């Protein structure tokens, strides 16, 4: 793997885009391992008063995507998500979400990432996530 990214670079890259708009902040970036947090705020709630599932998926998918960028093999120029799955185990109305994503398969054409989203203050697991990324290469 040749791609490298710092926490500062990841946070700068997120600004002005959907992850930055939601308040996602990276706290750890390394090949094969990435961490981020996101504050729970009223804009992330569903009409029923609980955290919207899409906000949780966005945090996990963002971690997997930035992890993929930090772990691209030599010659790869990018990626796109081709599959994702989430299992929701709980919800919250306040606090901060934390996400930890790890690379479980780093092939030449695909990467598979697992992520766990927790409520930072209580440590309660809110969601489990798996994502497959298709790696992109320049056309020859």
N, C-alpha and C. Protein backbone atom coordinates (compact mmCIF):
# COMPACT_ATOMS: atom_id res chain seq x y z
N UNK A 1 0.84 -1.17 0.00
CA UNK A 1 0.00 0.00 0.00
C UNK A 1 0.89 1.24 0.00
N UNK A 2 0.52 2.18 -0.84
CA UNK A 2 1.37 3.35 -0.97
C UNK A 2 0.71 4.64 -0.48
N UNK A 3 -0.59 4.70 -0.45
CA UNK A 3 -1.27 5.94 -0.07
C UNK A 3 -1.04 6.23 1.41
N UNK A 4 -0.83 7.48 1.73
CA UNK A 4 -0.66 7.93 3.11
C UNK A 4 -1.54 9.15 3.31
N UNK A 5 -2.10 9.29 4.49
CA UNK A 5 -2.94 10.45 4.80
C UNK A 5 -2.83 10.72 6.29
N UNK A 6 -2.75 11.99 6.66
CA UNK A 6 -2.73 12.36 8.07
C UNK A 6 -4.14 12.73 8.51
N UNK A 7 -4.33 12.84 9.82
CA UNK A 7 -5.60 13.28 10.37
C UNK A 7 -5.93 14.68 9.83
N UNK A 8 -4.93 15.55 9.80
CA UNK A 8 -5.14 16.91 9.31
C UNK A 8 -5.56 16.92 7.85
N UNK A 9 -4.95 16.10 7.03
CA UNK A 9 -5.32 16.02 5.61
C UNK A 9 -6.73 15.48 5.44
N UNK A 10 -7.09 14.47 6.21
CA UNK A 10 -8.44 13.90 6.12
C UNK A 10 -9.48 14.94 6.52
N UNK A 11 -9.25 15.65 7.62
CA UNK A 11 -10.20 16.67 8.06
C UNK A 11 -10.31 17.81 7.06
N UNK A 12 -9.20 18.21 6.47
CA UNK A 12 -9.23 19.28 5.45
C UNK A 12 -9.99 18.81 4.22
N UNK A 13 -9.79 17.56 3.83
CA UNK A 13 -10.46 17.03 2.64
C UNK A 13 -11.97 16.91 2.84
N UNK A 14 -12.40 16.68 4.07
CA UNK A 14 -13.83 16.53 4.37
C UNK A 14 -14.57 17.87 4.35
N UNK A 15 -13.86 18.96 4.62
CA UNK A 15 -14.50 20.27 4.69
C UNK A 15 -15.06 20.68 3.32
N UNK A 16 -16.23 21.27 3.34
CA UNK A 16 -16.87 21.70 2.10
C UNK A 16 -17.60 20.58 1.38
N UNK A 17 -17.61 19.39 1.98
CA UNK A 17 -18.29 18.23 1.42
C UNK A 17 -19.24 17.65 2.47
N UNK A 18 -20.01 16.66 2.10
CA UNK A 18 -21.02 16.08 2.98
C UNK A 18 -20.47 15.71 4.37
N UNK A 19 -19.32 15.01 4.47
CA UNK A 19 -18.82 14.66 5.81
C UNK A 19 -18.56 15.90 6.68
N UNK A 20 -17.98 16.93 6.10
CA UNK A 20 -17.73 18.15 6.86
C UNK A 20 -19.02 18.84 7.26
N UNK A 21 -20.00 18.81 6.38
CA UNK A 21 -21.30 19.43 6.68
C UNK A 21 -21.96 18.76 7.89
N UNK A 22 -21.77 17.46 8.04
CA UNK A 22 -22.36 16.73 9.16
C UNK A 22 -21.54 16.86 10.44
N UNK A 23 -20.36 17.43 10.35
CA UNK A 23 -19.52 17.59 11.53
C UNK A 23 -18.61 16.41 11.82
N UNK A 24 -18.39 15.56 10.84
CA UNK A 24 -17.49 14.41 11.03
C UNK A 24 -16.06 14.92 11.17
N UNK A 25 -15.38 14.46 12.20
CA UNK A 25 -13.99 14.84 12.46
C UNK A 25 -13.16 13.58 12.65
N UNK A 26 -12.09 13.46 11.88
CA UNK A 26 -11.21 12.30 12.00
C UNK A 26 -10.30 12.48 13.20
N UNK A 27 -10.12 11.39 13.96
CA UNK A 27 -9.28 11.43 15.14
C UNK A 27 -8.08 10.50 15.03
N UNK A 28 -8.09 9.62 14.05
CA UNK A 28 -6.97 8.72 13.82
C UNK A 28 -7.01 8.20 12.40
N UNK A 29 -5.89 8.29 11.69
CA UNK A 29 -5.81 7.82 10.31
C UNK A 29 -4.51 7.05 10.13
N UNK A 30 -4.66 5.79 9.74
CA UNK A 30 -3.50 4.95 9.44
C UNK A 30 -3.94 3.96 8.37
N UNK A 31 -3.00 3.47 7.57
CA UNK A 31 -3.41 2.41 6.65
C UNK A 31 -4.05 1.26 7.42
N UNK A 32 -5.19 0.82 6.95
CA UNK A 32 -5.91 -0.32 7.52
C UNK A 32 -6.72 0.02 8.77
N UNK A 33 -6.71 1.29 9.23
CA UNK A 33 -7.37 1.64 10.48
C UNK A 33 -7.68 3.14 10.50
N UNK A 34 -8.94 3.49 10.79
CA UNK A 34 -9.33 4.90 10.82
C UNK A 34 -10.40 5.11 11.88
N UNK A 35 -10.38 6.29 12.48
CA UNK A 35 -11.33 6.64 13.54
C UNK A 35 -11.86 8.04 13.30
N UNK A 36 -13.15 8.22 13.64
CA UNK A 36 -13.77 9.54 13.51
C UNK A 36 -14.89 9.67 14.52
N UNK A 37 -15.27 10.92 14.76
CA UNK A 37 -16.40 11.22 15.65
C UNK A 37 -17.35 12.16 14.92
N UNK A 38 -18.61 12.17 15.39
CA UNK A 38 -19.62 13.06 14.83
C UNK A 38 -20.59 13.44 15.95
N UNK A 39 -20.81 14.75 16.15
CA UNK A 39 -21.75 15.16 17.20
C UNK A 39 -23.19 14.84 16.80
N UNK A 40 -23.97 14.41 17.77
CA UNK A 40 -25.40 14.21 17.54
C UNK A 40 -26.05 15.58 17.68
N UNK A 41 -26.76 16.01 16.65
CA UNK A 41 -27.43 17.32 16.67
C UNK A 41 -28.81 17.18 16.04
N UNK A 42 -29.64 18.16 16.25
CA UNK A 42 -31.04 18.07 15.82
C UNK A 42 -31.18 17.81 14.33
N UNK A 43 -30.26 18.33 13.51
CA UNK A 43 -30.33 18.13 12.06
C UNK A 43 -30.13 16.68 11.66
N UNK A 44 -29.62 15.85 12.56
CA UNK A 44 -29.37 14.43 12.25
C UNK A 44 -30.49 13.52 12.75
N UNK A 45 -31.55 14.11 13.30
CA UNK A 45 -32.65 13.33 13.85
C UNK A 45 -33.71 13.05 12.80
N UNK A 46 -34.32 11.89 12.93
CA UNK A 46 -35.50 11.55 12.12
C UNK A 46 -36.70 12.24 12.76
N UNK A 47 -37.82 12.33 12.04
CA UNK A 47 -39.01 12.95 12.61
C UNK A 47 -39.53 12.29 13.88
N UNK A 48 -39.12 11.05 14.16
CA UNK A 48 -39.56 10.37 15.39
C UNK A 48 -38.75 10.78 16.61
N UNK A 49 -37.75 11.68 16.43
CA UNK A 49 -36.97 12.17 17.55
C UNK A 49 -35.70 11.38 17.85
N UNK A 50 -35.45 10.33 17.09
CA UNK A 50 -34.23 9.53 17.27
C UNK A 50 -33.26 9.79 16.12
N UNK A 51 -32.04 9.41 16.34
CA UNK A 51 -30.99 9.57 15.33
C UNK A 51 -31.39 8.89 14.03
N UNK A 52 -31.26 9.58 12.92
CA UNK A 52 -31.60 9.03 11.60
C UNK A 52 -30.56 7.98 11.22
N UNK A 53 -31.03 6.84 10.74
CA UNK A 53 -30.13 5.75 10.35
C UNK A 53 -29.13 6.20 9.29
N UNK A 54 -29.57 7.09 8.39
CA UNK A 54 -28.68 7.57 7.34
C UNK A 54 -27.48 8.32 7.88
N UNK A 55 -27.63 8.98 9.02
CA UNK A 55 -26.50 9.69 9.63
C UNK A 55 -25.45 8.69 10.12
N UNK A 56 -25.92 7.60 10.70
CA UNK A 56 -25.01 6.56 11.19
C UNK A 56 -24.29 5.90 10.02
N UNK A 57 -25.03 5.57 8.96
CA UNK A 57 -24.43 4.97 7.77
C UNK A 57 -23.42 5.92 7.15
N UNK A 58 -23.74 7.21 7.12
CA UNK A 58 -22.81 8.18 6.54
C UNK A 58 -21.50 8.21 7.32
N UNK A 59 -21.56 8.19 8.64
CA UNK A 59 -20.34 8.18 9.44
C UNK A 59 -19.50 6.94 9.13
N UNK A 60 -20.14 5.77 9.12
CA UNK A 60 -19.41 4.52 8.87
C UNK A 60 -18.86 4.47 7.45
N UNK A 61 -19.67 4.87 6.47
CA UNK A 61 -19.22 4.85 5.07
C UNK A 61 -18.10 5.85 4.84
N UNK A 62 -18.17 6.99 5.51
CA UNK A 62 -17.10 7.99 5.39
C UNK A 62 -15.80 7.44 5.95
N UNK A 63 -15.87 6.77 7.09
CA UNK A 63 -14.66 6.17 7.65
C UNK A 63 -14.08 5.12 6.70
N UNK A 64 -14.94 4.26 6.16
CA UNK A 64 -14.46 3.24 5.23
C UNK A 64 -13.85 3.88 3.99
N UNK A 65 -14.49 4.92 3.47
CA UNK A 65 -13.98 5.58 2.27
C UNK A 65 -12.65 6.28 2.50
N UNK A 66 -12.54 7.00 3.59
CA UNK A 66 -11.27 7.67 3.88
C UNK A 66 -10.19 6.65 4.22
N UNK A 67 -10.58 5.55 4.88
CA UNK A 67 -9.63 4.48 5.13
C UNK A 67 -9.13 3.88 3.83
N UNK A 68 -10.05 3.72 2.87
CA UNK A 68 -9.67 3.20 1.56
C UNK A 68 -8.67 4.15 0.88
N UNK A 69 -8.97 5.45 0.93
CA UNK A 69 -8.05 6.42 0.33
C UNK A 69 -6.67 6.36 0.97
N UNK A 70 -6.62 6.11 2.28
CA UNK A 70 -5.35 6.04 2.99
C UNK A 70 -4.64 4.70 2.78
N UNK A 71 -5.31 3.76 2.12
CA UNK A 71 -4.78 2.40 1.97
C UNK A 71 -4.78 1.92 0.52
N UNK A 72 -4.80 2.84 -0.42
CA UNK A 72 -4.83 2.43 -1.83
C UNK A 72 -3.53 1.72 -2.21
N UNK A 73 -3.62 0.63 -2.98
CA UNK A 73 -2.41 -0.02 -3.46
C UNK A 73 -1.76 0.83 -4.56
N UNK A 74 -0.51 0.56 -4.82
CA UNK A 74 0.23 1.29 -5.84
C UNK A 74 -0.49 1.23 -7.18
N UNK A 75 -0.63 2.38 -7.82
CA UNK A 75 -1.26 2.47 -9.13
C UNK A 75 -2.74 2.80 -9.08
N UNK A 76 -3.41 2.54 -7.95
CA UNK A 76 -4.83 2.86 -7.83
C UNK A 76 -4.99 4.37 -7.69
N UNK A 77 -6.01 4.91 -8.33
CA UNK A 77 -6.23 6.36 -8.30
C UNK A 77 -7.46 6.76 -7.50
N UNK A 78 -8.25 5.79 -7.09
CA UNK A 78 -9.46 6.10 -6.33
C UNK A 78 -10.26 4.84 -6.08
N UNK A 79 -11.53 5.05 -5.72
CA UNK A 79 -12.40 3.92 -5.39
C UNK A 79 -13.84 4.37 -5.53
N UNK A 80 -14.73 3.40 -5.49
CA UNK A 80 -16.16 3.66 -5.36
C UNK A 80 -16.78 2.54 -4.53
N UNK A 81 -17.76 2.89 -3.73
CA UNK A 81 -18.45 1.89 -2.91
C UNK A 81 -19.35 1.05 -3.81
N UNK A 82 -19.24 -0.27 -3.70
CA UNK A 82 -20.10 -1.14 -4.50
C UNK A 82 -21.09 -1.93 -3.65
N UNK A 83 -20.87 -1.98 -2.34
CA UNK A 83 -21.85 -2.64 -1.48
C UNK A 83 -21.63 -2.15 -0.05
N UNK A 84 -22.74 -2.00 0.67
CA UNK A 84 -22.65 -1.71 2.10
C UNK A 84 -23.81 -2.34 2.82
N UNK A 85 -23.55 -2.69 4.07
CA UNK A 85 -24.57 -3.33 4.91
C UNK A 85 -24.42 -2.80 6.32
N UNK A 86 -25.56 -2.53 6.94
CA UNK A 86 -25.55 -2.03 8.31
C UNK A 86 -26.51 -2.84 9.17
N UNK A 87 -26.11 -3.11 10.39
CA UNK A 87 -26.97 -3.69 11.40
C UNK A 87 -27.05 -2.69 12.55
N UNK A 88 -28.26 -2.23 12.85
CA UNK A 88 -28.46 -1.26 13.91
C UNK A 88 -28.83 -1.98 15.19
N UNK A 89 -28.12 -1.67 16.27
CA UNK A 89 -28.31 -2.33 17.55
C UNK A 89 -28.89 -1.39 18.61
N UNK A 90 -28.88 -0.10 18.32
CA UNK A 90 -29.38 0.88 19.27
C UNK A 90 -29.41 2.25 18.63
N UNK A 91 -29.82 3.23 19.41
CA UNK A 91 -29.87 4.60 18.92
C UNK A 91 -29.56 5.55 20.08
N UNK A 92 -29.56 6.84 19.79
CA UNK A 92 -29.32 7.85 20.80
C UNK A 92 -30.00 9.15 20.39
N UNK A 93 -30.12 10.05 21.34
CA UNK A 93 -30.68 11.38 21.07
C UNK A 93 -29.68 12.49 21.38
N UNK A 94 -28.50 12.09 21.89
CA UNK A 94 -27.54 13.12 22.28
C UNK A 94 -26.12 12.56 22.28
N UNK A 95 -25.17 13.43 22.58
CA UNK A 95 -23.78 13.00 22.72
C UNK A 95 -23.02 13.02 21.41
N UNK A 96 -22.07 12.12 21.31
CA UNK A 96 -21.17 12.03 20.16
C UNK A 96 -21.10 10.58 19.71
N UNK A 97 -21.15 10.40 18.40
CA UNK A 97 -20.92 9.08 17.82
C UNK A 97 -19.44 8.91 17.55
N UNK A 98 -18.93 7.72 17.78
CA UNK A 98 -17.54 7.39 17.44
C UNK A 98 -17.57 6.21 16.48
N UNK A 99 -16.69 6.24 15.51
CA UNK A 99 -16.60 5.14 14.54
C UNK A 99 -15.15 4.68 14.44
N UNK A 100 -14.98 3.37 14.42
CA UNK A 100 -13.67 2.75 14.21
C UNK A 100 -13.81 1.77 13.05
N UNK A 101 -13.09 2.02 11.98
CA UNK A 101 -13.15 1.17 10.79
C UNK A 101 -11.79 0.51 10.56
N UNK A 102 -11.84 -0.75 10.15
CA UNK A 102 -10.62 -1.50 9.87
C UNK A 102 -10.74 -2.24 8.55
N UNK A 103 -9.63 -2.34 7.87
CA UNK A 103 -9.55 -3.06 6.61
C UNK A 103 -9.49 -4.56 6.91
N UNK A 104 -10.41 -5.33 6.33
CA UNK A 104 -10.40 -6.78 6.54
C UNK A 104 -9.97 -7.53 5.28
N UNK A 105 -10.00 -6.85 4.14
CA UNK A 105 -9.50 -7.43 2.89
C UNK A 105 -8.93 -6.31 2.05
N UNK A 106 -7.67 -6.41 1.70
CA UNK A 106 -7.02 -5.40 0.87
C UNK A 106 -6.46 -6.01 -0.39
N UNK A 107 -7.34 -6.24 -1.35
CA UNK A 107 -6.92 -6.84 -2.61
C UNK A 107 -6.50 -5.81 -3.65
N UNK A 108 -6.19 -6.28 -4.85
CA UNK A 108 -5.79 -5.39 -5.93
C UNK A 108 -7.00 -4.68 -6.54
N UNK A 109 -8.17 -5.32 -6.52
CA UNK A 109 -9.35 -4.71 -7.14
C UNK A 109 -10.44 -4.32 -6.15
N UNK A 110 -10.41 -4.89 -4.95
CA UNK A 110 -11.42 -4.54 -3.94
C UNK A 110 -10.79 -4.42 -2.56
N UNK A 111 -11.47 -3.66 -1.73
CA UNK A 111 -11.18 -3.62 -0.30
C UNK A 111 -12.50 -3.83 0.44
N UNK A 112 -12.43 -4.53 1.57
CA UNK A 112 -13.60 -4.71 2.43
C UNK A 112 -13.25 -4.11 3.78
N UNK A 113 -14.15 -3.26 4.27
CA UNK A 113 -13.97 -2.56 5.54
C UNK A 113 -15.09 -2.91 6.51
N UNK A 114 -14.74 -3.12 7.77
CA UNK A 114 -15.71 -3.26 8.85
C UNK A 114 -15.63 -2.02 9.72
N UNK A 115 -16.78 -1.55 10.18
CA UNK A 115 -16.82 -0.39 11.07
C UNK A 115 -17.81 -0.65 12.19
N UNK A 116 -17.47 -0.12 13.36
CA UNK A 116 -18.35 -0.16 14.52
C UNK A 116 -18.63 1.27 14.93
N UNK A 117 -19.90 1.60 15.07
CA UNK A 117 -20.31 2.93 15.53
C UNK A 117 -20.82 2.80 16.95
N UNK A 118 -20.25 3.61 17.84
CA UNK A 118 -20.63 3.58 19.25
C UNK A 118 -21.06 4.97 19.72
N UNK A 119 -21.77 4.99 20.84
CA UNK A 119 -22.07 6.24 21.54
C UNK A 119 -20.84 6.51 22.40
N UNK A 120 -20.12 7.59 22.10
CA UNK A 120 -18.82 7.82 22.72
C UNK A 120 -18.90 7.90 24.25
N UNK A 121 -19.92 8.55 24.76
CA UNK A 121 -20.00 8.75 26.21
C UNK A 121 -20.31 7.47 26.98
N UNK A 122 -21.10 6.58 26.42
CA UNK A 122 -21.48 5.35 27.13
C UNK A 122 -20.73 4.11 26.66
N UNK A 123 -20.14 4.19 25.46
CA UNK A 123 -19.47 3.02 24.88
C UNK A 123 -20.43 2.03 24.26
N UNK A 124 -21.73 2.31 24.28
CA UNK A 124 -22.74 1.41 23.72
C UNK A 124 -22.58 1.30 22.20
N UNK A 125 -22.57 0.06 21.69
CA UNK A 125 -22.51 -0.15 20.25
C UNK A 125 -23.87 0.14 19.64
N UNK A 126 -23.89 1.04 18.66
CA UNK A 126 -25.13 1.42 17.99
C UNK A 126 -25.30 0.73 16.64
N UNK A 127 -24.19 0.45 15.94
CA UNK A 127 -24.30 -0.15 14.62
C UNK A 127 -23.02 -0.88 14.23
N UNK A 128 -23.20 -1.92 13.45
CA UNK A 128 -22.10 -2.65 12.81
C UNK A 128 -22.27 -2.46 11.31
N UNK A 129 -21.16 -2.32 10.60
CA UNK A 129 -21.20 -1.92 9.21
C UNK A 129 -20.13 -2.68 8.44
N UNK A 130 -20.45 -3.10 7.21
CA UNK A 130 -19.45 -3.70 6.31
C UNK A 130 -19.63 -3.07 4.95
N UNK A 131 -18.52 -2.76 4.32
CA UNK A 131 -18.53 -2.04 3.05
C UNK A 131 -17.47 -2.63 2.12
N UNK A 132 -17.82 -2.77 0.84
CA UNK A 132 -16.87 -3.21 -0.18
C UNK A 132 -16.60 -2.06 -1.12
N UNK A 133 -15.32 -1.80 -1.37
CA UNK A 133 -14.90 -0.72 -2.26
C UNK A 133 -14.24 -1.33 -3.50
N UNK A 134 -14.64 -0.84 -4.67
CA UNK A 134 -14.00 -1.21 -5.92
C UNK A 134 -12.88 -0.21 -6.15
N UNK A 135 -11.65 -0.69 -6.33
CA UNK A 135 -10.52 0.18 -6.56
C UNK A 135 -10.46 0.57 -8.04
N UNK A 136 -10.14 1.84 -8.28
CA UNK A 136 -10.10 2.38 -9.64
C UNK A 136 -8.67 2.62 -10.07
N UNK A 137 -8.41 2.32 -11.34
CA UNK A 137 -7.09 2.48 -11.95
C UNK A 137 -7.22 3.28 -13.23
N UNK A 138 -6.15 3.95 -13.66
CA UNK A 138 -6.24 4.68 -14.93
C UNK A 138 -6.52 3.71 -16.08
N UNK A 139 -7.31 4.19 -17.04
CA UNK A 139 -7.58 3.37 -18.23
C UNK A 139 -6.32 3.32 -19.07
N UNK A 140 -6.01 2.12 -19.60
CA UNK A 140 -4.80 2.01 -20.41
C UNK A 140 -5.08 2.21 -21.87
